[in-house]
């Protein structure tokens, strides 16, 4: 469920940034030819796109923090309930990293 939510948030974020880029490109193309009201309208659209992108970024950041905190909590619980297995896993990973490091 969290993966699906994160994927949806990423898709929304990408769509918002694509809209932002598109609006910015339109602004740059029409800057020389647009009169006051048209330029103001385009600037307002770009501003709205920026606000939506910022909101989406904040939601994505919050989701990632929650998922990260859940992973840390799960790891801490596992280590507390299985301390010797955790020490063995850590020693094995350290041994493998040592082997890989000495081969270079």
Protein backbone atom coordinates (compact mmCIF):
# COMPACT_ATOMS: atom_id res chain seq x y z
CA UNK A 1 0.00 0.00 0.00
CA UNK A 2 2.77 2.45 0.90
CA UNK A 3 4.62 1.58 -2.29
CA UNK A 4 1.49 2.25 -4.33
CA UNK A 5 0.98 5.60 -2.58
CA UNK A 6 4.61 6.57 -3.14
CA UNK A 7 4.40 5.60 -6.82
CA UNK A 8 1.23 7.67 -7.25
CA UNK A 9 2.88 10.62 -5.50
CA UNK A 10 5.89 10.32 -7.81
CA UNK A 11 3.63 10.28 -10.88
CA UNK A 12 1.75 13.36 -9.66
CA UNK A 13 5.05 15.08 -8.91
CA UNK A 14 6.38 14.34 -12.37
CA UNK A 15 3.16 15.61 -13.99
CA UNK A 16 3.35 18.82 -11.93
CA UNK A 17 6.96 19.42 -12.93
CA UNK A 18 6.17 18.73 -16.59
CA UNK A 19 3.36 21.29 -16.40
CA UNK A 20 5.75 23.73 -14.73
CA UNK A 21 8.34 23.27 -17.45
CA UNK A 22 5.71 23.64 -20.14
CA UNK A 23 4.36 26.84 -18.58
CA UNK A 24 7.87 28.23 -18.20
CA UNK A 25 8.69 27.48 -21.83
CA UNK A 26 5.49 29.21 -22.93
CA UNK A 27 6.40 32.22 -20.82
CA UNK A 28 9.85 32.42 -22.35
CA UNK A 29 8.51 32.07 -25.89
CA UNK A 30 5.83 34.69 -25.47
CA UNK A 31 7.60 37.16 -23.21
CA UNK A 32 8.50 39.47 -26.06
CA UNK A 33 5.06 39.40 -27.71
CA UNK A 34 2.65 39.38 -24.79
CA UNK A 35 1.07 42.53 -23.48
CA UNK A 36 0.37 43.18 -19.79
CA UNK A 37 -2.79 41.13 -19.14
CA UNK A 38 -1.63 38.09 -21.10
CA UNK A 39 1.75 38.08 -19.37
CA UNK A 40 0.08 38.41 -15.96
CA UNK A 41 -2.23 35.47 -16.71
CA UNK A 42 0.68 33.28 -17.77
CA UNK A 43 2.67 34.26 -14.68
CA UNK A 44 -0.32 33.34 -12.51
CA UNK A 45 -0.53 29.91 -14.17
CA UNK A 46 3.19 29.35 -13.52
CA UNK A 47 2.76 30.43 -9.93
CA UNK A 48 -0.11 27.96 -9.47
CA UNK A 49 1.99 25.18 -11.00
CA UNK A 50 4.82 25.97 -8.60
CA UNK A 51 2.48 25.85 -5.62
CA UNK A 52 1.10 22.46 -6.70
CA UNK A 53 4.62 21.11 -7.18
CA UNK A 54 5.67 22.31 -3.73
CA UNK A 55 2.62 20.72 -2.11
CA UNK A 56 3.32 17.43 -3.86
CA UNK A 57 6.95 17.55 -2.76
CA UNK A 58 5.89 18.09 0.83
CA UNK A 59 3.47 15.16 0.68
CA UNK A 60 6.13 12.93 -0.86
CA UNK A 61 8.66 13.97 1.77
CA UNK A 62 6.20 13.24 4.56
CA UNK A 63 5.40 9.83 3.08
CA UNK A 64 9.09 8.96 2.78
CA UNK A 65 9.76 10.04 6.35
CA UNK A 66 6.92 7.89 7.64
CA UNK A 67 8.12 4.87 5.68
CA UNK A 68 11.68 5.43 6.86
CA UNK A 69 10.58 5.71 10.47
CA UNK A 70 8.56 2.51 10.12
CA UNK A 71 11.63 0.71 8.71
CA UNK A 72 13.81 1.96 11.57
CA UNK A 73 11.24 0.86 14.14
CA UNK A 74 10.95 -2.58 12.54
CA UNK A 75 14.74 -2.97 12.48
CA UNK A 76 15.05 -1.92 16.12
CA UNK A 77 12.32 -4.36 17.13
CA UNK A 78 14.03 -7.18 15.25
CA UNK A 79 17.39 -6.44 16.82
CA UNK A 80 15.89 -6.30 20.30
CA UNK A 81 14.03 -9.60 19.90
CA UNK A 82 16.89 -11.40 18.09
CA UNK A 83 20.17 -9.87 19.32
CA UNK A 84 22.44 -12.82 18.49
CA UNK A 85 21.04 -13.26 15.00
CA UNK A 86 21.54 -9.54 14.43
CA UNK A 87 25.16 -9.76 15.57
CA UNK A 88 25.71 -12.73 13.23
CA UNK A 89 24.16 -10.91 10.28
CA UNK A 90 26.23 -7.80 10.97
CA UNK A 91 29.41 -9.87 11.24
CA UNK A 92 28.62 -11.66 7.97
CA UNK A 93 27.95 -8.40 6.13
CA UNK A 94 31.14 -6.90 7.56
CA UNK A 95 33.11 -9.96 6.45
CA UNK A 96 31.71 -9.72 2.90
CA UNK A 97 32.49 -6.01 2.70
CA UNK A 98 36.02 -6.74 3.94
CA UNK A 99 36.48 -9.38 1.24
CA UNK A 100 35.25 -7.04 -1.46
CA UNK A 101 37.40 -4.19 -0.21
CA UNK A 102 40.61 -6.25 -0.21
CA UNK A 103 40.09 -7.43 -3.80
CA UNK A 104 40.47 -3.93 -5.18
